[in-house]
Amino acid sequence: MSLLILAVDQRPWLTQALYGHTGTALPAQRAAITDGKHLVLDGLLAALDAEPRLAAHAGILVDDQLGAGVPERARARRVTLSMPVERGGCDLYETEPADLPGYLAHFRPELPKVLVRYNPDGSAADNREQRTRLAGVSRAVRDSGGRFLFELLVPPTAQQRTIPGEVFDTEVRPGLIHRAMAEIMPEVPVDVWKVEHLGAPEHYRRAADLAAETGGECILLGANAPRATVDGWLADAAANGFTGFAIGRSIWWDSLRGLLAGELTRPEAIAAVAANYRHFAGTFLQ
């Protein structure tokens, strides 16, 4: 079964990106973003109404802070619910909320998600500490009846930042992702790995095979890349063992900004989100 997630769980980054500041967002700004996340869900639901075959695959990744009310609406429509359980913007993983079992019992997400920055060539002590913390999160997720979704980002080390970006992305990072997965898996049970594009088809296959060693699967993140670029990544991922995607800004960014700027009506923004989701779903499933 494919897992096609519309991701809209950005929190501190989103207020900065939309309003150009790093301080606490004003109440009206937070309300506008919350309304925008409901709009994204409306777009997803419109896509499912237009193409019912996607309903079995559809998911949404959303927070309860700037997305208040979206998780409840998604569950009511039987959309697979994923929710973040990490503190946003941390280089070293921290769990948020403090009462993780209570949070999971209240919202009942099928796919609680962590975002983790982990480079196997980085600090061994930091990596070891992250594995310890994440092992406890994995246990809590599985005790709640959920499946553990692990978003793995591999930022370059200071030395690796001297490598040209395209070379790092296509030739260096895939191997680092494979090594990170292999280091994490023995200590942290993961059900779904959410990873960056991997360049060559064999890199996708290696990641999928690694995940399968412990009964897991891999999905692709979109990284806010242009449509044609994401289409290429999706085609390679789908052909080499990946089971889906978690794409966010490539689907809804223009719609949300257009709505906030008064350049799009709400129906126009919803229709654009729906069309973009259907496009990427069709690309992956073809």
Protein backbone atom coordinates (compact mmCIF):
# COMPACT_ATOMS: atom_id res chain seq x y z
CA MET A 1 0.00 0.00 0.00
CA SER A 2 1.44 3.35 -1.02
CA LEU A 3 1.61 6.16 1.53
CA LEU A 4 1.10 9.58 -0.06
CA ILE A 5 1.44 12.22 2.65
CA LEU A 6 0.76 15.93 2.29
CA ALA A 7 3.16 17.53 4.78
CA VAL A 8 2.24 20.79 6.51
CA ASP A 9 3.87 20.49 9.93
CA GLN A 10 6.26 23.45 9.74
CA ARG A 11 6.17 25.59 12.88
CA PRO A 12 8.84 28.21 13.81
CA TRP A 13 10.26 28.25 10.28
CA LEU A 14 6.86 28.95 8.74
CA THR A 15 6.13 32.15 10.62
CA GLN A 16 9.58 33.47 9.72
CA ALA A 17 9.23 32.51 6.06
CA LEU A 18 5.77 34.02 5.69
CA TYR A 19 6.21 37.17 7.76
CA GLY A 20 9.95 37.78 7.73
CA HIS A 21 10.64 37.77 11.45
CA THR A 22 12.07 35.44 14.07
CA GLY A 23 10.12 36.65 17.08
CA THR A 24 6.82 35.38 18.39
CA ALA A 25 4.13 35.63 15.73
CA LEU A 26 1.26 37.98 16.43
CA PRO A 27 -2.09 36.34 17.24
CA ALA A 28 -3.55 37.42 13.89
CA GLN A 29 -0.56 35.96 12.07
CA ARG A 30 -0.85 32.65 13.89
CA ALA A 31 -4.56 32.55 13.15
CA ALA A 32 -3.89 33.17 9.46
CA ILE A 33 -1.38 30.31 9.34
CA THR A 34 -3.77 27.99 11.16
CA ASP A 35 -6.47 28.88 8.65
CA GLY A 36 -3.95 28.19 5.90
CA LYS A 37 -3.29 24.70 7.23
CA HIS A 38 -7.02 24.03 7.21
CA LEU A 39 -6.97 25.22 3.60
CA VAL A 40 -4.27 22.66 2.81
CA LEU A 41 -6.45 19.92 4.28
CA ASP A 42 -9.37 21.25 2.24
CA GLY A 43 -7.19 20.88 -0.86
CA LEU A 44 -6.32 17.31 0.05
CA LEU A 45 -9.97 16.44 0.64
CA ALA A 46 -10.90 18.06 -2.68
CA ALA A 47 -8.29 15.89 -4.38
CA LEU A 48 -9.76 12.76 -2.79
CA ASP A 49 -13.28 13.76 -3.79
CA ALA A 50 -12.12 14.23 -7.38
CA GLU A 51 -10.06 11.02 -7.43
CA PRO A 52 -11.45 8.53 -4.89
CA ARG A 53 -8.79 5.89 -5.64
CA LEU A 54 -6.31 8.05 -3.72
CA ALA A 55 -8.24 7.81 -0.46
CA ALA A 56 -6.62 4.50 0.48
CA HIS A 57 -3.17 6.09 0.22
CA ALA A 58 -3.70 9.63 1.50
CA GLY A 59 -2.15 11.05 4.64
CA ILE A 60 -1.49 14.42 6.19
CA LEU A 61 1.43 15.44 8.41
CA VAL A 62 0.36 18.35 10.61
CA ASP A 63 1.13 19.82 14.02
CA ASP A 64 -1.33 20.80 16.75
CA GLN A 65 0.26 24.21 17.38
CA LEU A 66 -0.23 26.13 14.15
CA GLY A 67 -2.54 23.45 12.80
CA ALA A 68 -5.05 23.32 15.64
CA GLY A 69 -8.17 21.43 14.60
CA VAL A 70 -6.66 19.91 11.47
CA PRO A 71 -5.82 16.54 13.09
CA GLU A 72 -9.40 16.11 14.27
CA ARG A 73 -10.82 16.98 10.86
CA ALA A 74 -8.41 14.61 9.13
CA ARG A 75 -9.33 11.71 11.40
CA ALA A 76 -13.03 12.41 10.86
CA ARG A 77 -12.46 12.00 7.12
CA ARG A 78 -10.38 8.83 7.63
CA VAL A 79 -7.20 10.43 6.31
CA THR A 80 -4.07 8.80 7.75
CA LEU A 81 -2.75 11.17 10.38
CA SER A 82 0.92 11.87 11.04
CA MET A 83 2.03 14.35 13.70
CA PRO A 84 5.48 15.62 14.75
CA VAL A 85 6.87 14.81 18.17
CA GLU A 86 10.13 16.78 17.91
CA ARG A 87 10.95 20.30 19.06
CA GLY A 88 11.35 22.35 15.91
CA GLY A 89 14.70 23.71 14.80
CA CYS A 90 16.98 21.61 17.02
CA ASP A 91 20.32 20.29 15.81
CA LEU A 92 20.19 17.62 18.53
CA TYR A 93 16.84 15.83 18.74
CA GLU A 94 14.51 16.84 21.58
CA THR A 95 11.05 15.41 22.16
CA GLU A 96 8.07 17.73 22.24
CA PRO A 97 5.56 17.52 23.93
CA ALA A 98 6.90 16.69 27.39
CA ASP A 99 4.08 14.18 28.00
CA LEU A 100 4.55 12.07 24.90
CA PRO A 101 2.31 9.14 25.95
CA GLY A 102 -0.50 11.56 26.82
CA TYR A 103 -0.11 13.38 23.52
CA LEU A 104 -0.24 10.14 21.55
CA ALA A 105 -3.26 8.91 23.49
CA HIS A 106 -5.10 12.18 22.88
CA PHE A 107 -4.48 12.64 19.14
CA ARG A 108 -4.00 8.97 18.17
CA PRO A 109 -1.83 9.63 15.09
CA GLU A 110 -1.17 6.54 13.02
CA LEU A 111 2.31 7.84 12.18
CA PRO A 112 4.00 9.88 14.92
CA LYS A 113 7.00 11.53 13.25
CA VAL A 114 10.43 12.72 14.30
CA LEU A 115 12.78 14.93 12.31
CA VAL A 116 16.39 14.10 13.09
CA ARG A 117 19.62 15.68 11.85
CA TYR A 118 22.19 12.90 11.90
CA ASN A 119 25.47 12.67 10.01
CA PRO A 120 27.49 9.51 10.70
CA ASP A 121 30.66 11.57 10.22
CA GLY A 122 29.49 14.09 12.82
CA SER A 123 29.87 14.02 16.59
CA ALA A 124 29.86 10.39 17.79
CA ALA A 125 28.70 11.51 21.25
CA ASP A 126 25.80 13.53 19.84
CA ASN A 127 24.77 10.68 17.55
CA ARG A 128 24.87 8.22 20.43
CA GLU A 129 22.73 10.55 22.58
CA GLN A 130 20.22 10.94 19.75
CA ARG A 131 19.93 7.18 19.31
CA THR A 132 19.27 6.78 23.04
CA ARG A 133 16.56 9.44 23.04
CA LEU A 134 14.94 8.10 19.87
CA ALA A 135 14.84 4.53 21.15
CA GLY A 136 12.56 5.73 23.93
CA VAL A 137 10.37 7.62 21.46
CA SER A 138 10.06 4.55 19.27
CA ARG A 139 8.93 2.48 22.24
CA ALA A 140 6.32 5.07 23.19
CA VAL A 141 5.02 5.25 19.63
CA ARG A 142 4.67 1.51 19.31
CA ASP A 143 3.12 1.21 22.78
CA SER A 144 0.47 3.67 21.59
CA GLY A 145 -0.35 1.50 18.58
CA GLY A 146 1.30 3.82 16.08
CA ARG A 147 3.98 3.30 13.47
CA PHE A 148 7.22 5.26 13.89
CA LEU A 149 7.98 7.71 11.06
CA PHE A 150 11.61 8.84 11.05
CA GLU A 151 12.57 11.84 8.90
CA LEU A 152 16.32 11.60 8.43
CA LEU A 153 18.22 14.71 7.36
CA VAL A 154 21.97 14.50 6.85
CA PRO A 155 23.47 18.00 7.03
CA PRO A 156 27.09 18.23 5.89
CA THR A 157 29.84 18.52 8.44
CA ALA A 158 32.15 21.54 8.31
CA GLN A 159 34.59 19.55 6.20
CA GLN A 160 31.84 18.28 3.89
CA ARG A 161 30.63 21.83 3.28
CA THR A 162 33.74 22.32 1.15
CA ILE A 163 32.29 19.82 -1.35
CA PRO A 164 30.26 21.43 -4.17
CA GLY A 165 26.54 21.21 -3.32
CA GLU A 166 25.47 19.10 -6.30
CA VAL A 167 28.33 16.66 -5.74
CA PHE A 168 27.44 16.33 -2.06
CA ASP A 169 23.74 15.81 -2.85
CA THR A 170 24.19 13.14 -5.51
CA GLU A 171 27.50 11.43 -4.69
CA VAL A 172 28.22 11.88 -0.99
CA ARG A 173 24.94 12.24 0.91
CA PRO A 174 23.36 8.98 -0.37
CA GLY A 175 26.14 6.96 1.23
CA LEU A 176 25.85 8.98 4.43
CA ILE A 177 22.12 8.28 4.52
CA HIS A 178 22.73 4.55 4.12
CA ARG A 179 25.35 4.60 6.88
CA ALA A 180 23.08 6.62 9.17
CA MET A 181 20.23 4.17 8.68
CA ALA A 182 22.54 1.24 9.41
CA GLU A 183 23.76 2.91 12.63
CA ILE A 184 20.28 3.83 13.84
CA MET A 185 18.36 0.65 13.00
CA PRO A 186 19.87 -1.70 15.61
CA GLU A 187 18.87 0.61 18.47
CA VAL A 188 15.81 2.44 17.15
CA PRO A 189 12.98 0.44 15.55
CA VAL A 190 11.68 2.46 12.58
CA ASP A 191 8.59 1.64 10.55
CA VAL A 192 8.80 4.36 7.89
CA TRP A 193 11.94 6.21 6.84
CA LYS A 194 11.39 9.63 5.24
CA VAL A 195 14.54 10.51 3.33
CA GLU A 196 15.91 13.05 0.89
CA HIS A 197 16.36 12.33 -2.81
CA LEU A 198 19.20 9.91 -3.43
CA GLY A 199 20.39 10.58 -6.96
CA ALA A 200 21.10 7.31 -8.75
CA PRO A 201 18.41 4.59 -8.81
CA GLU A 202 20.69 2.12 -7.02
CA HIS A 203 20.87 4.49 -4.05
CA TYR A 204 17.10 4.36 -3.68
CA ARG A 205 17.15 0.58 -3.89
CA ARG A 206 19.86 0.34 -1.22
CA ALA A 207 17.85 2.51 1.18
CA ALA A 208 14.67 0.50 0.57
CA ASP A 209 16.54 -2.76 1.11
CA LEU A 210 18.09 -1.47 4.33
CA ALA A 211 14.70 -0.45 5.70
CA ALA A 212 13.21 -3.80 4.75
CA GLU A 213 15.80 -5.64 6.85
CA THR A 214 13.81 -4.67 9.94
CA GLY A 215 10.36 -4.64 8.34
CA GLY A 216 10.44 -0.94 7.45
CA GLU A 217 9.81 1.06 4.31
CA CYS A 218 11.02 4.30 2.74
CA ILE A 219 9.17 7.35 1.49
CA LEU A 220 10.60 10.40 -0.26
CA LEU A 221 10.46 14.00 0.95
CA GLY A 222 10.00 16.82 -1.54
CA ALA A 223 12.48 19.47 -0.28
CA ASN A 224 10.44 22.27 -1.90
CA ALA A 225 11.97 21.43 -5.27
CA PRO A 226 10.38 22.44 -8.61
CA ARG A 227 7.69 20.14 -9.96
CA ALA A 228 9.79 18.65 -12.76
CA THR A 229 12.61 17.86 -10.33
CA VAL A 230 10.28 16.19 -7.84
CA ASP A 231 8.68 14.20 -10.67
CA GLY A 232 12.07 12.74 -11.54
CA TRP A 233 12.81 11.85 -7.94
CA LEU A 234 9.40 10.22 -7.54
CA ALA A 235 9.84 8.12 -10.66
CA ASP A 236 13.21 6.82 -9.46
CA ALA A 237 11.91 6.19 -5.93
CA ALA A 238 8.79 4.36 -7.09
CA ALA A 239 10.80 2.14 -9.43
CA ASN A 240 13.26 1.17 -6.73
CA GLY A 241 11.29 0.05 -3.72
CA PHE A 242 10.01 3.25 -2.11
CA THR A 243 6.39 3.09 -1.01
CA GLY A 244 5.35 6.74 -1.16
CA PHE A 245 6.18 10.35 -0.39
CA ALA A 246 5.75 13.16 2.10
CA ILE A 247 5.63 16.36 0.05
CA GLY A 248 4.76 19.75 1.49
CA ARG A 249 5.78 23.12 0.11
CA SER A 250 5.94 21.92 -3.49
CA ILE A 251 2.18 21.33 -3.13
CA TRP A 252 0.92 24.24 -1.01
CA TRP A 253 3.50 27.03 -0.70
CA ASP A 254 2.35 29.14 -3.65
CA SER A 255 -1.29 28.71 -2.66
CA LEU A 256 -0.75 29.76 0.95
CA ARG A 257 1.37 32.77 0.04
CA GLY A 258 -1.08 33.78 -2.66
CA LEU A 259 -3.99 33.59 -0.26
CA LEU A 260 -2.23 35.64 2.43
CA ALA A 261 -1.20 38.25 -0.15
CA GLY A 262 -4.74 38.55 -1.48
CA GLU A 263 -3.65 37.26 -4.89
CA LEU A 264 -5.79 34.11 -4.74
CA THR A 265 -9.29 33.50 -3.52
CA ARG A 266 -9.77 30.66 -1.08
CA PRO A 267 -11.47 28.41 -3.69
CA GLU A 268 -8.60 29.09 -6.11
CA ALA A 269 -6.01 28.21 -3.47
CA ILE A 270 -7.83 25.01 -2.52
CA ALA A 271 -8.10 23.98 -6.17
CA ALA A 272 -4.37 24.55 -6.69
CA VAL A 273 -3.44 22.41 -3.68
CA ALA A 274 -5.76 19.66 -4.89
CA ALA A 275 -4.30 19.75 -8.40
CA ASN A 276 -0.72 19.62 -7.15
CA TYR A 277 -1.41 16.72 -4.81
CA ARG A 278 -3.16 14.77 -7.56
CA HIS A 279 -0.26 15.45 -9.91
CA PHE A 280 2.40 14.07 -7.56
CA ALA A 281 0.20 11.14 -6.54
CA GLY A 282 -0.31 10.27 -10.19
CA THR A 283 3.41 10.53 -10.89
CA PHE A 284 4.23 8.12 -8.07
CA LEU A 285 1.47 5.63 -8.79
CA GLN A 286 1.80 5.45 -12.57
